[in-house]
C-alpha cells in the first residue's frame, strides 16, 4: 500500500475546481469529499440508485477521475447501498484527516 503524505491527504480533501464539480440528479453540486459524505447521508435512496447501480458508478468515477483517490473510488464502486457508500467516505475522510 502506498504511503499517504500530508500534502497528498490535503490535496484529496480539497475542493475541486468549479468545472469538475459533481452534479447530482437531485440538484446538488458537490465540490469535495466532505460534501460527498454530507450528500450521501441525506440524499434519497432513489437518487443514490440513479448514480450508483449495475450500469453506473458515478460517485466512484468522479472520485477516481477528479479527486484522484483510487482506494475510495474502488470502495464506492463496490457499495451496494447509500449507507455503505457514506460509511466508506466517512472512513476515508477520517483516515486522511489523521495524516494532516
PDB file of N, CA and C in Angstrom:
ATOM      1  N   UNK A   1       0.845  -1.184   0.000  1.00  0.00           N
ATOM      2  CA  UNK A   1       0.000   0.000   0.000  1.00  0.00           C
ATOM      3  C   UNK A   1       0.889   1.246   0.000  1.00  0.00           C
ATOM      4  N   UNK A   2       0.537   2.204  -0.832  1.00  0.00           N
ATOM      5  CA  UNK A   2       1.302   3.440  -0.922  1.00  0.00           C
ATOM      6  C   UNK A   2       1.072   4.287   0.323  1.00  0.00           C
ATOM      7  N   UNK A   3       2.134   4.925   0.756  1.00  0.00           N
ATOM      8  CA  UNK A   3       2.047   5.790   1.927  1.00  0.00           C
ATOM      9  C   UNK A   3       1.402   7.121   1.527  1.00  0.00           C
ATOM     10  N   UNK A   4       0.494   7.597   2.351  1.00  0.00           N
ATOM     11  CA  UNK A   4      -0.164   8.883   2.114  1.00  0.00           C
ATOM     12  C   UNK A   4       0.602   9.957   2.871  1.00  0.00           C
ATOM     13  N   UNK A   5       1.120  10.914   2.126  1.00  0.00           N
ATOM     14  CA  UNK A   5       1.822  12.038   2.734  1.00  0.00           C
ATOM     15  C   UNK A   5       0.822  13.130   3.090  1.00  0.00           C
ATOM     16  N   UNK A   6       1.230  14.014   3.986  1.00  0.00           N
ATOM     17  CA  UNK A   6       0.375  15.111   4.436  1.00  0.00           C
ATOM     18  C   UNK A   6      -0.132  15.928   3.248  1.00  0.00           C
ATOM     19  N   UNK A   7       0.758  16.269   2.317  1.00  0.00           N
ATOM     20  CA  UNK A   7       0.358  17.086   1.164  1.00  0.00           C
ATOM     21  C   UNK A   7      -0.635  16.346   0.275  1.00  0.00           C
ATOM     22  N   UNK A   8      -0.476  15.017   0.168  1.00  0.00           N
ATOM     23  CA  UNK A   8      -1.405  14.226  -0.633  1.00  0.00           C
ATOM     24  C   UNK A   8      -2.778  14.164   0.029  1.00  0.00           C
ATOM     25  N   UNK A   9      -2.794  13.998   1.339  1.00  0.00           N
ATOM     26  CA  UNK A   9      -4.055  13.957   2.077  1.00  0.00           C
ATOM     27  C   UNK A   9      -4.802  15.283   1.920  1.00  0.00           C
ATOM     28  N   UNK A  10      -4.094  16.381   2.021  1.00  0.00           N
ATOM     29  CA  UNK A  10      -4.724  17.703   1.865  1.00  0.00           C
ATOM     30  C   UNK A  10      -5.282  17.876   0.453  1.00  0.00           C
ATOM     31  N   UNK A  11      -4.546  17.407  -0.538  1.00  0.00           N
ATOM     32  CA  UNK A  11      -4.983  17.519  -1.928  1.00  0.00           C
ATOM     33  C   UNK A  11      -6.260  16.717  -2.149  1.00  0.00           C
ATOM     34  N   UNK A  12      -6.318  15.519  -1.589  1.00  0.00           N
ATOM     35  CA  UNK A  12      -7.500  14.677  -1.748  1.00  0.00           C
ATOM     36  C   UNK A  12      -8.732  15.273  -1.062  1.00  0.00           C
ATOM     37  N   UNK A  13      -8.514  15.996   0.011  1.00  0.00           N
ATOM     38  CA  UNK A  13      -9.614  16.580   0.775  1.00  0.00           C
ATOM     39  C   UNK A  13     -10.053  17.952   0.244  1.00  0.00           C
ATOM     40  N   UNK A  14      -9.285  18.529  -0.649  1.00  0.00           N
ATOM     41  CA  UNK A  14      -9.559  19.885  -1.135  1.00  0.00           C
ATOM     42  C   UNK A  14     -10.788  19.931  -2.053  1.00  0.00           C
ATOM     43  N   UNK A  15     -11.324  21.118  -2.212  1.00  0.00           N
ATOM     44  CA  UNK A  15     -12.415  21.325  -3.160  1.00  0.00           C
ATOM     45  C   UNK A  15     -11.856  21.228  -4.573  1.00  0.00           C
ATOM     46  N   UNK A  16     -12.658  20.686  -5.471  1.00  0.00           N
ATOM     47  CA  UNK A  16     -12.237  20.565  -6.862  1.00  0.00           C
ATOM     48  C   UNK A  16     -12.526  21.875  -7.596  1.00  0.00           C
ATOM     49  N   UNK A  17     -11.839  22.132  -8.710  1.00  0.00           N
ATOM     50  CA  UNK A  17     -12.138  23.335  -9.499  1.00  0.00           C
ATOM     51  C   UNK A  17     -13.606  23.315  -9.962  1.00  0.00           C
ATOM     52  N   UNK A  18     -14.184  24.469 -10.151  1.00  0.00           N
ATOM     53  CA  UNK A  18     -15.613  24.578 -10.453  1.00  0.00           C
ATOM     54  C   UNK A  18     -16.033  23.807 -11.710  1.00  0.00           C
ATOM     55  N   UNK A  19     -15.141  23.642 -12.663  1.00  0.00           N
ATOM     56  CA  UNK A  19     -15.514  22.915 -13.875  1.00  0.00           C
ATOM     57  C   UNK A  19     -15.579  21.393 -13.664  1.00  0.00           C
ATOM     58  N   UNK A  20     -15.156  20.923 -12.470  1.00  0.00           N
ATOM     59  CA  UNK A  20     -15.143  19.491 -12.192  1.00  0.00           C
ATOM     60  C   UNK A  20     -16.077  19.078 -11.052  1.00  0.00           C
ATOM     61  N   UNK A  21     -16.997  19.946 -10.663  1.00  0.00           N
ATOM     62  CA  UNK A  21     -17.927  19.595  -9.593  1.00  0.00           C
ATOM     63  C   UNK A  21     -18.837  18.459 -10.054  1.00  0.00           C
ATOM     64  N   UNK A  22     -19.401  17.743  -9.090  1.00  0.00           N
ATOM     65  CA  UNK A  22     -20.335  16.656  -9.379  1.00  0.00           C
ATOM     66  C   UNK A  22     -21.739  17.222  -9.328  1.00  0.00           C
ATOM     67  N   UNK A  23     -22.492  17.029 -10.404  1.00  0.00           N
ATOM     68  CA  UNK A  23     -23.881  17.486 -10.455  1.00  0.00           C
ATOM     69  C   UNK A  23     -24.783  16.294 -10.170  1.00  0.00           C
ATOM     70  N   UNK A  24     -25.379  16.321  -9.009  1.00  0.00           N
ATOM     71  CA  UNK A  24     -26.244  15.243  -8.554  1.00  0.00           C
ATOM     72  C   UNK A  24     -27.634  15.394  -9.186  1.00  0.00           C
ATOM     73  N   UNK A  25     -28.309  14.286  -9.404  1.00  0.00           N
ATOM     74  CA  UNK A  25     -29.625  14.323 -10.051  1.00  0.00           C
ATOM     75  C   UNK A  25     -30.683  15.038  -9.218  1.00  0.00           C
ATOM     76  N   UNK A  26     -30.416  15.230  -7.916  1.00  0.00           N
ATOM     77  CA  UNK A  26     -31.380  15.947  -7.073  1.00  0.00           C
ATOM     78  C   UNK A  26     -31.100  17.446  -7.025  1.00  0.00           C
ATOM     79  N   UNK A  27     -30.161  17.914  -7.844  1.00  0.00           N
ATOM     80  CA  UNK A  27     -29.871  19.340  -7.942  1.00  0.00           C
ATOM     81  C   UNK A  27     -28.673  19.805  -7.132  1.00  0.00           C
ATOM     82  N   UNK A  28     -28.132  18.963  -6.294  1.00  0.00           N
ATOM     83  CA  UNK A  28     -26.958  19.349  -5.505  1.00  0.00           C
ATOM     84  C   UNK A  28     -25.719  19.417  -6.378  1.00  0.00           C
ATOM     85  N   UNK A  29     -24.799  20.251  -5.956  1.00  0.00           N
ATOM     86  CA  UNK A  29     -23.496  20.331  -6.592  1.00  0.00           C
ATOM     87  C   UNK A  29     -22.457  20.012  -5.525  1.00  0.00           C
ATOM     88  N   UNK A  30     -21.633  18.999  -5.781  1.00  0.00           N
ATOM     89  CA  UNK A  30     -20.639  18.549  -4.813  1.00  0.00           C
ATOM     90  C   UNK A  30     -19.250  18.970  -5.267  1.00  0.00           C
ATOM     91  N   UNK A  31     -18.494  19.548  -4.316  1.00  0.00           N
ATOM     92  CA  UNK A  31     -17.176  20.093  -4.645  1.00  0.00           C
ATOM     93  C   UNK A  31     -16.034  19.395  -3.928  1.00  0.00           C
ATOM     94  N   UNK A  32     -16.352  18.490  -3.005  1.00  0.00           N
ATOM     95  CA  UNK A  32     -15.287  17.865  -2.221  1.00  0.00           C
ATOM     96  C   UNK A  32     -15.745  16.528  -1.664  1.00  0.00           C
ATOM     97  N   UNK A  33     -14.804  15.803  -1.138  1.00  0.00           N
ATOM     98  CA  UNK A  33     -15.097  14.534  -0.497  1.00  0.00           C
ATOM     99  C   UNK A  33     -16.040  14.745   0.694  1.00  0.00           C
ATOM    100  N   UNK A  34     -15.840  15.823   1.453  1.00  0.00           N
ATOM    101  CA  UNK A  34     -16.708  16.110   2.590  1.00  0.00           C
ATOM    102  C   UNK A  34     -18.135  16.382   2.131  1.00  0.00           C
ATOM    103  N   UNK A  35     -18.294  17.121   1.049  1.00  0.00           N
ATOM    104  CA  UNK A  35     -19.631  17.394   0.524  1.00  0.00           C
ATOM    105  C   UNK A  35     -20.276  16.111   0.006  1.00  0.00           C
ATOM    106  N   UNK A  36     -19.467  15.203  -0.533  1.00  0.00           N
ATOM    107  CA  UNK A  36     -19.986  13.909  -0.967  1.00  0.00           C
ATOM    108  C   UNK A  36     -20.523  13.130   0.232  1.00  0.00           C
ATOM    109  N   UNK A  37     -19.770  13.108   1.318  1.00  0.00           N
ATOM    110  CA  UNK A  37     -20.246  12.409   2.518  1.00  0.00           C
ATOM    111  C   UNK A  37     -21.552  13.017   3.018  1.00  0.00           C
ATOM    112  N   UNK A  38     -21.598  14.339   3.112  1.00  0.00           N
ATOM    113  CA  UNK A  38     -22.806  15.019   3.587  1.00  0.00           C
ATOM    114  C   UNK A  38     -24.003  14.685   2.695  1.00  0.00           C
ATOM    115  N   UNK A  39     -23.782  14.688   1.381  1.00  0.00           N
ATOM    116  CA  UNK A  39     -24.869  14.391   0.443  1.00  0.00           C
ATOM    117  C   UNK A  39     -25.341  12.949   0.586  1.00  0.00           C
ATOM    118  N   UNK A  40     -24.398  12.017   0.700  1.00  0.00           N
ATOM    119  CA  UNK A  40     -24.766  10.609   0.839  1.00  0.00           C
ATOM    120  C   UNK A  40     -25.574  10.372   2.117  1.00  0.00           C
ATOM    121  N   UNK A  41     -25.283  11.119   3.158  1.00  0.00           N
ATOM    122  CA  UNK A  41     -26.003  10.959   4.420  1.00  0.00           C
ATOM    123  C   UNK A  41     -27.434  11.483   4.360  1.00  0.00           C
ATOM    124  N   UNK A  42     -27.725  12.348   3.401  1.00  0.00           N
ATOM    125  CA  UNK A  42     -29.051  12.958   3.393  1.00  0.00           C
ATOM    126  C   UNK A  42     -29.848  12.759   2.100  1.00  0.00           C
ATOM    127  N   UNK A  43     -29.249  12.229   1.060  1.00  0.00           N
ATOM    128  CA  UNK A  43     -29.980  12.080  -0.202  1.00  0.00           C
ATOM    129  C   UNK A  43     -30.962  10.911  -0.136  1.00  0.00           C
ATOM    130  N   UNK A  44     -31.935  10.953  -0.988  1.00  0.00           N
ATOM    131  CA  UNK A  44     -32.908   9.867  -1.091  1.00  0.00           C
ATOM    132  C   UNK A  44     -32.233   8.637  -1.710  1.00  0.00           C
ATOM    133  N   UNK A  45     -32.716   7.477  -1.332  1.00  0.00           N
ATOM    134  CA  UNK A  45     -32.144   6.246  -1.868  1.00  0.00           C
ATOM    135  C   UNK A  45     -32.272   6.174  -3.391  1.00  0.00           C
ATOM    136  N   UNK A  46     -33.361   6.706  -3.948  1.00  0.00           N
ATOM    137  CA  UNK A  46     -33.511   6.659  -5.399  1.00  0.00           C
ATOM    138  C   UNK A  46     -32.491   7.550  -6.105  1.00  0.00           C
ATOM    139  N   UNK A  47     -32.088   8.630  -5.455  1.00  0.00           N
ATOM    140  CA  UNK A  47     -31.029   9.475  -6.022  1.00  0.00           C
ATOM    141  C   UNK A  47     -29.715   8.706  -6.036  1.00  0.00           C
ATOM    142  N   UNK A  48     -29.424   8.020  -4.930  1.00  0.00           N
ATOM    143  CA  UNK A  48     -28.219   7.198  -4.883  1.00  0.00           C
ATOM    144  C   UNK A  48     -28.268   6.133  -5.972  1.00  0.00           C
ATOM    145  N   UNK A  49     -29.399   5.464  -6.090  1.00  0.00           N
ATOM    146  CA  UNK A  49     -29.545   4.398  -7.076  1.00  0.00           C
ATOM    147  C   UNK A  49     -29.394   4.900  -8.508  1.00  0.00           C
ATOM    148  N   UNK A  50     -29.812   6.130  -8.765  1.00  0.00           N
ATOM    149  CA  UNK A  50     -29.643   6.719 -10.093  1.00  0.00           C
ATOM    150  C   UNK A  50     -28.157   6.799 -10.453  1.00  0.00           C
ATOM    151  N   UNK A  51     -27.340   7.193  -9.485  1.00  0.00           N
ATOM    152  CA  UNK A  51     -25.914   7.402  -9.731  1.00  0.00           C
ATOM    153  C   UNK A  51     -25.061   6.164  -9.502  1.00  0.00           C
ATOM    154  N   UNK A  52     -25.592   5.190  -8.793  1.00  0.00           N
ATOM    155  CA  UNK A  52     -24.800   4.011  -8.462  1.00  0.00           C
ATOM    156  C   UNK A  52     -25.664   2.766  -8.578  1.00  0.00           C
ATOM    157  N   UNK A  53     -25.473   2.030  -9.654  1.00  0.00           N
ATOM    158  CA  UNK A  53     -26.247   0.819  -9.900  1.00  0.00           C
ATOM    159  C   UNK A  53     -25.412  -0.122 -10.769  1.00  0.00           C
ATOM    160  N   UNK A  54     -25.993  -1.156 -11.298  1.00  0.00           N
ATOM    161  CA  UNK A  54     -25.262  -2.122 -12.103  1.00  0.00           C
ATOM    162  C   UNK A  54     -24.645  -1.546 -13.365  1.00  0.00           C
ATOM    163  N   UNK A  55     -25.198  -0.438 -13.833  1.00  0.00           N
ATOM    164  CA  UNK A  55     -24.706   0.180 -15.067  1.00  0.00           C
ATOM    165  C   UNK A  55     -23.856   1.430 -14.827  1.00  0.00           C
ATOM    166  N   UNK A  56     -24.022   2.053 -13.680  1.00  0.00           N
ATOM    167  CA  UNK A  56     -23.341   3.321 -13.404  1.00  0.00           C
ATOM    168  C   UNK A  56     -22.624   3.271 -12.069  1.00  0.00           C
ATOM    169  N   UNK A  57     -21.531   3.992 -12.024  1.00  0.00           N
ATOM    170  CA  UNK A  57     -20.810   4.201 -10.765  1.00  0.00           C
ATOM    171  C   UNK A  57     -20.313   5.647 -10.765  1.00  0.00           C
ATOM    172  N   UNK A  58     -21.276   6.566 -10.837  1.00  0.00           N
ATOM    173  CA  UNK A  58     -20.934   7.982 -10.984  1.00  0.00           C
ATOM    174  C   UNK A  58     -20.077   8.507  -9.841  1.00  0.00           C
ATOM    175  N   UNK A  59     -20.413   8.134  -8.605  1.00  0.00           N
ATOM    176  CA  UNK A  59     -19.641   8.629  -7.461  1.00  0.00           C
ATOM    177  C   UNK A  59     -18.214   8.080  -7.509  1.00  0.00           C
ATOM    178  N   UNK A  60     -18.087   6.793  -7.741  1.00  0.00           N
ATOM    179  CA  UNK A  60     -16.760   6.177  -7.834  1.00  0.00           C
ATOM    180  C   UNK A  60     -15.945   6.759  -8.983  1.00  0.00           C
ATOM    181  N   UNK A  61     -16.592   6.977 -10.120  1.00  0.00           N
ATOM    182  CA  UNK A  61     -15.877   7.552 -11.270  1.00  0.00           C
ATOM    183  C   UNK A  61     -15.399   8.966 -10.978  1.00  0.00           C
ATOM    184  N   UNK A  62     -16.243   9.766 -10.332  1.00  0.00           N
ATOM    185  CA  UNK A  62     -15.862  11.148 -10.002  1.00  0.00           C
ATOM    186  C   UNK A  62     -14.691  11.158  -9.025  1.00  0.00           C
ATOM    187  N   UNK A  63     -14.770  10.309  -8.010  1.00  0.00           N
ATOM    188  CA  UNK A  63     -13.683  10.242  -7.024  1.00  0.00           C
ATOM    189  C   UNK A  63     -12.389   9.760  -7.681  1.00  0.00           C
ATOM    190  N   UNK A  64     -12.498   8.785  -8.585  1.00  0.00           N
ATOM    191  CA  UNK A  64     -11.308   8.271  -9.272  1.00  0.00           C
ATOM    192  C   UNK A  64     -10.728   9.304 -10.248  1.00  0.00           C
ATOM    193  N   UNK A  65     -11.581   9.871 -11.101  1.00  0.00           N
ATOM    194  CA  UNK A  65     -11.108  10.724 -12.187  1.00  0.00           C
ATOM    195  C   UNK A  65     -10.832  12.172 -11.789  1.00  0.00           C
ATOM    196  N   UNK A  66     -11.573  12.683 -10.823  1.00  0.00           N
ATOM    197  CA  UNK A  66     -11.450  14.101 -10.462  1.00  0.00           C
ATOM    198  C   UNK A  66     -10.704  14.282  -9.142  1.00  0.00           C
ATOM    199  N   UNK A  67     -11.108  13.587  -8.112  1.00  0.00           N
ATOM    200  CA  UNK A  67     -10.425  13.713  -6.819  1.00  0.00           C
ATOM    201  C   UNK A  67      -9.121  12.925  -6.815  1.00  0.00           C
ATOM    202  N   UNK A  68      -9.051  11.886  -7.635  1.00  0.00           N
ATOM    203  CA  UNK A  68      -7.854  11.042  -7.775  1.00  0.00           C
ATOM    204  C   UNK A  68      -7.562  10.188  -6.544  1.00  0.00           C
ATOM    205  N   UNK A  69      -8.616   9.679  -5.919  1.00  0.00           N
ATOM    206  CA  UNK A  69      -8.455   8.769  -4.786  1.00  0.00           C
ATOM    207  C   UNK A  69      -8.900   7.381  -5.252  1.00  0.00           C
ATOM    208  N   UNK A  70      -7.929   6.578  -5.649  1.00  0.00           N
ATOM    209  CA  UNK A  70      -8.214   5.260  -6.218  1.00  0.00           C
ATOM    210  C   UNK A  70      -8.865   4.324  -5.203  1.00  0.00           C
ATOM    211  N   UNK A  71      -8.409   4.373  -3.946  1.00  0.00           N
ATOM    212  CA  UNK A  71      -8.950   3.481  -2.926  1.00  0.00           C
ATOM    213  C   UNK A  71     -10.423   3.771  -2.666  1.00  0.00           C
ATOM    214  N   UNK A  72     -10.748   5.031  -2.447  1.00  0.00           N
ATOM    215  CA  UNK A  72     -12.147   5.377  -2.197  1.00  0.00           C
ATOM    216  C   UNK A  72     -12.999   5.086  -3.429  1.00  0.00           C
ATOM    217  N   UNK A  73     -12.473   5.320  -4.598  1.00  0.00           N
ATOM    218  CA  UNK A  73     -13.224   5.029  -5.825  1.00  0.00           C
ATOM    219  C   UNK A  73     -13.590   3.543  -5.899  1.00  0.00           C
ATOM    220  N   UNK A  74     -12.646   2.679  -5.573  1.00  0.00           N
ATOM    221  CA  UNK A  74     -12.926   1.227  -5.565  1.00  0.00           C
ATOM    222  C   UNK A  74     -14.010   0.899  -4.540  1.00  0.00           C
ATOM    223  N   UNK A  75     -13.889   1.486  -3.346  1.00  0.00           N
ATOM    224  CA  UNK A  75     -14.870   1.231  -2.295  1.00  0.00           C
ATOM    225  C   UNK A  75     -16.269   1.697  -2.713  1.00  0.00           C
ATOM    226  N   UNK A  76     -16.350   2.860  -3.342  1.00  0.00           N
ATOM    227  CA  UNK A  76     -17.646   3.382  -3.772  1.00  0.00           C
ATOM    228  C   UNK A  76     -18.236   2.532  -4.892  1.00  0.00           C
ATOM    229  N   UNK A  77     -17.396   2.025  -5.767  1.00  0.00           N
ATOM    230  CA  UNK A  77     -17.880   1.190  -6.859  1.00  0.00           C
ATOM    231  C   UNK A  77     -18.455  -0.125  -6.344  1.00  0.00           C
ATOM    232  N   UNK A  78     -17.981  -0.588  -5.200  1.00  0.00           N
ATOM    233  CA  UNK A  78     -18.458  -1.834  -4.595  1.00  0.00           C
ATOM    234  C   UNK A  78     -19.675  -1.621  -3.687  1.00  0.00           C
ATOM    235  N   UNK A  79     -19.920  -0.381  -3.277  1.00  0.00           N
ATOM    236  CA  UNK A  79     -21.001  -0.096  -2.322  1.00  0.00           C
ATOM    237  C   UNK A  79     -22.360  -0.433  -2.929  1.00  0.00           C
ATOM    238  N   UNK A  80     -23.130  -1.211  -2.204  1.00  0.00           N
ATOM    239  CA  UNK A  80     -24.445  -1.616  -2.706  1.00  0.00           C
ATOM    240  C   UNK A  80     -25.585  -0.791  -2.113  1.00  0.00           C
ATOM    241  N   UNK A  81     -25.254   0.107  -1.196  1.00  0.00           N
ATOM    242  CA  UNK A  81     -26.291   0.954  -0.599  1.00  0.00           C
ATOM    243  C   UNK A  81     -25.718   2.341  -0.305  1.00  0.00           C
ATOM    244  N   UNK A  82     -26.628   3.272  -0.134  1.00  0.00           N
ATOM    245  CA  UNK A  82     -26.240   4.646   0.200  1.00  0.00           C
ATOM    246  C   UNK A  82     -25.502   4.672   1.530  1.00  0.00           C
ATOM    247  N   UNK A  83     -25.984   3.916   2.504  1.00  0.00           N
ATOM    248  CA  UNK A  83     -25.343   3.859   3.815  1.00  0.00           C
ATOM    249  C   UNK A  83     -23.927   3.313   3.748  1.00  0.00           C
ATOM    250  N   UNK A  84     -23.740   2.280   2.956  1.00  0.00           N
ATOM    251  CA  UNK A  84     -22.406   1.698   2.801  1.00  0.00           C
ATOM    252  C   UNK A  84     -21.467   2.693   2.126  1.00  0.00           C
ATOM    253  N   UNK A  85     -21.946   3.401   1.123  1.00  0.00           N
ATOM    254  CA  UNK A  85     -21.131   4.401   0.433  1.00  0.00           C
ATOM    255  C   UNK A  85     -20.759   5.528   1.394  1.00  0.00           C
ATOM    256  N   UNK A  86     -21.734   6.002   2.174  1.00  0.00           N
ATOM    257  CA  UNK A  86     -21.468   7.074   3.139  1.00  0.00           C
ATOM    258  C   UNK A  86     -20.433   6.630   4.165  1.00  0.00           C
ATOM    259  N   UNK A  87     -20.540   5.389   4.618  1.00  0.00           N
ATOM    260  CA  UNK A  87     -19.594   4.859   5.595  1.00  0.00           C
ATOM    261  C   UNK A  87     -18.182   4.790   5.012  1.00  0.00           C
ATOM    262  N   UNK A  88     -18.068   4.415   3.743  1.00  0.00           N
ATOM    263  CA  UNK A  88     -16.761   4.358   3.075  1.00  0.00           C
ATOM    264  C   UNK A  88     -16.131   5.743   2.985  1.00  0.00           C
ATOM    265  N   UNK A  89     -16.942   6.731   2.627  1.00  0.00           N
ATOM    266  CA  UNK A  89     -16.421   8.100   2.514  1.00  0.00           C
ATOM    267  C   UNK A  89     -16.025   8.618   3.893  1.00  0.00           C
ATOM    268  N   UNK A  90     -16.863   8.386   4.881  1.00  0.00           N
ATOM    269  CA  UNK A  90     -16.560   8.842   6.245  1.00  0.00           C
ATOM    270  C   UNK A  90     -15.257   8.232   6.742  1.00  0.00           C
ATOM    271  N   UNK A  91     -15.078   6.956   6.522  1.00  0.00           N
ATOM    272  CA  UNK A  91     -13.864   6.259   6.946  1.00  0.00           C
ATOM    273  C   UNK A  91     -12.631   6.821   6.244  1.00  0.00           C
ATOM    274  N   UNK A  92     -12.765   7.068   4.949  1.00  0.00           N
ATOM    275  CA  UNK A  92     -11.629   7.605   4.183  1.00  0.00           C
ATOM    276  C   UNK A  92     -11.276   9.012   4.653  1.00  0.00           C
ATOM    277  N   UNK A  93     -12.285   9.830   4.929  1.00  0.00           N
ATOM    278  CA  UNK A  93     -12.037  11.186   5.423  1.00  0.00           C
ATOM    279  C   UNK A  93     -11.315  11.132   6.769  1.00  0.00           C
ATOM    280  N   UNK A  94     -11.766  10.261   7.647  1.00  0.00           N
ATOM    281  CA  UNK A  94     -11.118  10.127   8.961  1.00  0.00           C
ATOM    282  C   UNK A  94      -9.655   9.719   8.791  1.00  0.00           C
ATOM    283  N   UNK A  95      -9.395   8.784   7.896  1.00  0.00           N
ATOM    284  CA  UNK A  95      -8.014   8.353   7.642  1.00  0.00           C
ATOM    285  C   UNK A  95      -7.180   9.517   7.106  1.00  0.00           C
ATOM    286  N   UNK A  96      -7.705  10.224   6.123  1.00  0.00           N
ATOM    287  CA  UNK A  96      -6.950  11.340   5.526  1.00  0.00           C
ATOM    288  C   UNK A  96      -6.732  12.459   6.541  1.00  0.00           C
ATOM    289  N   UNK A  97      -7.738  12.737   7.361  1.00  0.00           N
ATOM    290  CA  UNK A  97      -7.574  13.761   8.396  1.00  0.00           C
ATOM    291  C   UNK A  97      -6.487  13.375   9.405  1.00  0.00           C
ATOM    292  N   UNK A  98      -6.317  12.101   9.642  1.00  0.00           N
ATOM    293  CA  UNK A  98      -5.271  11.654  10.575  1.00  0.00           C
ATOM    294  C   UNK A  98      -3.865  11.858  10.011  1.00  0.00           C
ATOM    295  N   UNK A  99      -3.792  12.089   8.710  1.00  0.00           N
ATOM    296  CA  UNK A  99      -2.498  12.295   8.054  1.00  0.00           C
ATOM    297  C   UNK A  99      -2.125  13.773   7.914  1.00  0.00           C
ATOM    298  N   UNK A 100      -3.084  14.664   8.197  1.00  0.00           N
ATOM    299  CA  UNK A 100      -2.796  16.097   8.037  1.00  0.00           C
ATOM    300  C   UNK A 100      -2.415  16.760   9.344  1.00  0.00           C
TER     301      UNK A 100
END
